[in-house]
N, C-alpha and C. Protein backbone atom coordinates (compact mmCIF):
# COMPACT_ATOMS: atom_id res chain seq x y z
N MET A 1 -10.29 -40.21 23.04
CA MET A 1 -10.08 -41.46 23.76
C MET A 1 -9.69 -41.16 25.21
N PRO A 2 -10.14 -41.97 26.12
CA PRO A 2 -9.87 -41.71 27.53
C PRO A 2 -8.39 -41.74 27.86
N LYS A 3 -7.96 -40.82 28.72
CA LYS A 3 -6.56 -40.73 29.09
C LYS A 3 -6.11 -41.95 29.89
N GLU A 4 -7.02 -42.62 30.59
CA GLU A 4 -6.62 -43.77 31.40
C GLU A 4 -6.17 -44.95 30.54
N TYR A 5 -6.35 -44.82 29.23
CA TYR A 5 -5.92 -45.89 28.33
C TYR A 5 -4.46 -45.74 27.89
N ALA A 6 -3.73 -44.81 28.47
CA ALA A 6 -2.34 -44.61 28.06
C ALA A 6 -1.43 -45.57 28.83
N PRO A 7 -1.07 -46.72 28.22
CA PRO A 7 -0.24 -47.72 28.89
C PRO A 7 1.24 -47.45 28.68
N GLY A 8 2.06 -48.06 29.51
CA GLY A 8 3.51 -48.03 29.32
C GLY A 8 4.14 -46.68 29.63
N PRO A 9 5.46 -46.67 29.54
CA PRO A 9 6.19 -45.42 29.79
C PRO A 9 5.96 -44.42 28.68
N VAL A 10 6.00 -43.15 29.03
CA VAL A 10 5.79 -42.10 28.04
C VAL A 10 7.13 -41.67 27.47
N THR A 11 7.22 -41.67 26.15
CA THR A 11 8.43 -41.20 25.50
C THR A 11 8.05 -40.07 24.55
N THR A 12 9.04 -39.30 24.14
CA THR A 12 8.74 -38.16 23.28
C THR A 12 9.08 -38.43 21.82
N ASP A 13 9.81 -39.51 21.54
CA ASP A 13 10.15 -39.84 20.16
C ASP A 13 9.28 -40.99 19.68
N LEU A 14 8.51 -40.73 18.65
CA LEU A 14 7.59 -41.74 18.15
C LEU A 14 7.42 -41.61 16.66
N ALA A 15 7.35 -42.72 15.98
CA ALA A 15 7.13 -42.70 14.54
C ALA A 15 6.02 -43.69 14.20
N VAL A 16 5.22 -43.33 13.22
CA VAL A 16 4.15 -44.20 12.76
C VAL A 16 4.34 -44.46 11.28
N SER A 17 4.26 -45.72 10.90
CA SER A 17 4.38 -46.05 9.49
C SER A 17 3.15 -46.84 9.07
N VAL A 18 2.33 -46.26 8.21
CA VAL A 18 1.12 -46.92 7.73
C VAL A 18 1.07 -46.79 6.21
N SER A 19 1.10 -47.92 5.52
CA SER A 19 1.03 -47.94 4.06
C SER A 19 2.07 -47.03 3.43
N GLY A 20 3.28 -47.06 3.95
CA GLY A 20 4.36 -46.29 3.36
C GLY A 20 4.46 -44.86 3.84
N PHE A 21 3.48 -44.41 4.62
CA PHE A 21 3.53 -43.05 5.15
C PHE A 21 4.18 -43.07 6.53
N ARG A 22 5.06 -42.13 6.76
CA ARG A 22 5.72 -42.06 8.07
C ARG A 22 5.48 -40.68 8.68
N VAL A 23 4.99 -40.67 9.90
CA VAL A 23 4.73 -39.42 10.60
C VAL A 23 5.39 -39.47 11.97
N ASP A 24 6.13 -38.45 12.29
CA ASP A 24 6.79 -38.39 13.59
C ASP A 24 6.00 -37.49 14.53
N PHE A 25 5.85 -37.95 15.76
CA PHE A 25 5.10 -37.21 16.76
C PHE A 25 5.98 -36.86 17.94
N GLY A 26 5.73 -35.73 18.56
CA GLY A 26 6.45 -35.36 19.78
C GLY A 26 5.71 -35.83 21.02
N ASP A 27 4.43 -36.17 20.87
CA ASP A 27 3.62 -36.61 21.99
C ASP A 27 2.96 -37.93 21.61
N ARG A 28 3.22 -38.98 22.37
CA ARG A 28 2.75 -40.30 21.97
C ARG A 28 1.38 -40.66 22.55
N THR A 29 0.76 -39.75 23.26
CA THR A 29 -0.48 -40.09 23.97
C THR A 29 -1.56 -40.65 23.06
N LEU A 30 -1.87 -39.95 21.96
CA LEU A 30 -2.94 -40.40 21.08
C LEU A 30 -2.63 -41.75 20.46
N ILE A 31 -1.40 -41.91 19.95
CA ILE A 31 -1.03 -43.17 19.30
C ILE A 31 -0.97 -44.30 20.32
N ASP A 32 -0.52 -43.99 21.53
CA ASP A 32 -0.48 -44.99 22.59
C ASP A 32 -1.88 -45.49 22.90
N ASP A 33 -2.84 -44.58 22.96
CA ASP A 33 -4.23 -44.96 23.20
C ASP A 33 -4.72 -45.86 22.08
N LEU A 34 -4.41 -45.50 20.85
CA LEU A 34 -4.86 -46.29 19.70
C LEU A 34 -4.26 -47.68 19.74
N ASN A 35 -2.96 -47.75 20.00
CA ASN A 35 -2.27 -49.04 20.13
C ASN A 35 -2.92 -49.90 21.20
N PHE A 36 -3.22 -49.30 22.33
CA PHE A 36 -3.81 -50.02 23.45
C PHE A 36 -5.15 -50.63 23.04
N GLU A 37 -5.97 -49.85 22.37
CA GLU A 37 -7.28 -50.35 21.97
C GLU A 37 -7.16 -51.45 20.92
N VAL A 38 -6.24 -51.28 19.98
CA VAL A 38 -6.08 -52.30 18.94
C VAL A 38 -5.54 -53.60 19.53
N ARG A 39 -4.57 -53.49 20.42
CA ARG A 39 -4.01 -54.70 21.04
C ARG A 39 -5.05 -55.47 21.82
N ARG A 40 -5.94 -54.77 22.48
CA ARG A 40 -6.95 -55.43 23.30
C ARG A 40 -8.18 -55.85 22.51
N GLY A 41 -8.21 -55.49 21.23
CA GLY A 41 -9.36 -55.86 20.41
C GLY A 41 -10.62 -55.12 20.79
N GLU A 42 -10.46 -53.92 21.32
CA GLU A 42 -11.63 -53.14 21.71
C GLU A 42 -12.12 -52.31 20.54
N THR A 43 -13.21 -51.60 20.77
CA THR A 43 -13.77 -50.79 19.70
C THR A 43 -12.98 -49.52 19.49
N PHE A 44 -12.90 -49.09 18.25
CA PHE A 44 -12.25 -47.83 17.91
C PHE A 44 -13.09 -47.17 16.83
N GLY A 45 -13.55 -45.97 17.09
CA GLY A 45 -14.40 -45.28 16.12
C GLY A 45 -15.72 -46.00 15.89
N GLY A 46 -16.19 -46.72 16.89
CA GLY A 46 -17.47 -47.41 16.76
C GLY A 46 -17.37 -48.76 16.08
N ARG A 47 -16.15 -49.19 15.71
CA ARG A 47 -15.99 -50.48 15.05
C ARG A 47 -15.14 -51.41 15.91
N ARG A 48 -15.44 -52.67 15.80
CA ARG A 48 -14.65 -53.67 16.53
C ARG A 48 -13.34 -53.89 15.76
N VAL A 49 -12.23 -53.79 16.45
CA VAL A 49 -10.94 -53.99 15.80
C VAL A 49 -10.25 -55.22 16.37
N ARG A 50 -9.44 -55.85 15.53
CA ARG A 50 -8.72 -57.03 15.96
C ARG A 50 -7.24 -56.70 16.13
N PRO A 51 -6.60 -57.26 17.16
CA PRO A 51 -5.17 -57.00 17.38
C PRO A 51 -4.31 -57.74 16.36
N LEU A 52 -3.99 -57.09 15.26
CA LEU A 52 -3.18 -57.73 14.22
C LEU A 52 -1.72 -57.31 14.34
N LEU A 53 -1.46 -56.02 14.12
CA LEU A 53 -0.10 -55.51 14.20
C LEU A 53 -0.10 -54.21 14.99
N PRO A 54 0.97 -53.96 15.73
CA PRO A 54 1.06 -52.67 16.41
C PRO A 54 1.15 -51.55 15.39
N LEU A 55 0.47 -50.45 15.67
CA LEU A 55 0.46 -49.33 14.73
C LEU A 55 1.62 -48.38 14.96
N ALA A 56 2.16 -48.40 16.16
CA ALA A 56 3.24 -47.46 16.47
C ALA A 56 4.06 -48.00 17.62
N GLY A 57 5.25 -47.45 17.77
CA GLY A 57 6.10 -47.85 18.88
C GLY A 57 7.25 -46.88 19.02
N PRO A 58 7.97 -47.01 20.10
CA PRO A 58 9.11 -46.12 20.32
C PRO A 58 10.16 -46.32 19.23
N VAL A 59 10.81 -45.25 18.86
CA VAL A 59 11.85 -45.33 17.83
C VAL A 59 13.18 -45.64 18.49
């Protein structure tokens, strides 16, 4: 995903919870990009996605 899609301030503490799974990341760039695309309803992985819920956020 393009780096210019990294919105907001960069933090080093990040957690993702999806279907009961929790993963902690030291670098939020990838998840931030994913969040940005989902919020804007843009395509991700070739599919159109709708902004339903944020997938990740600062802890």
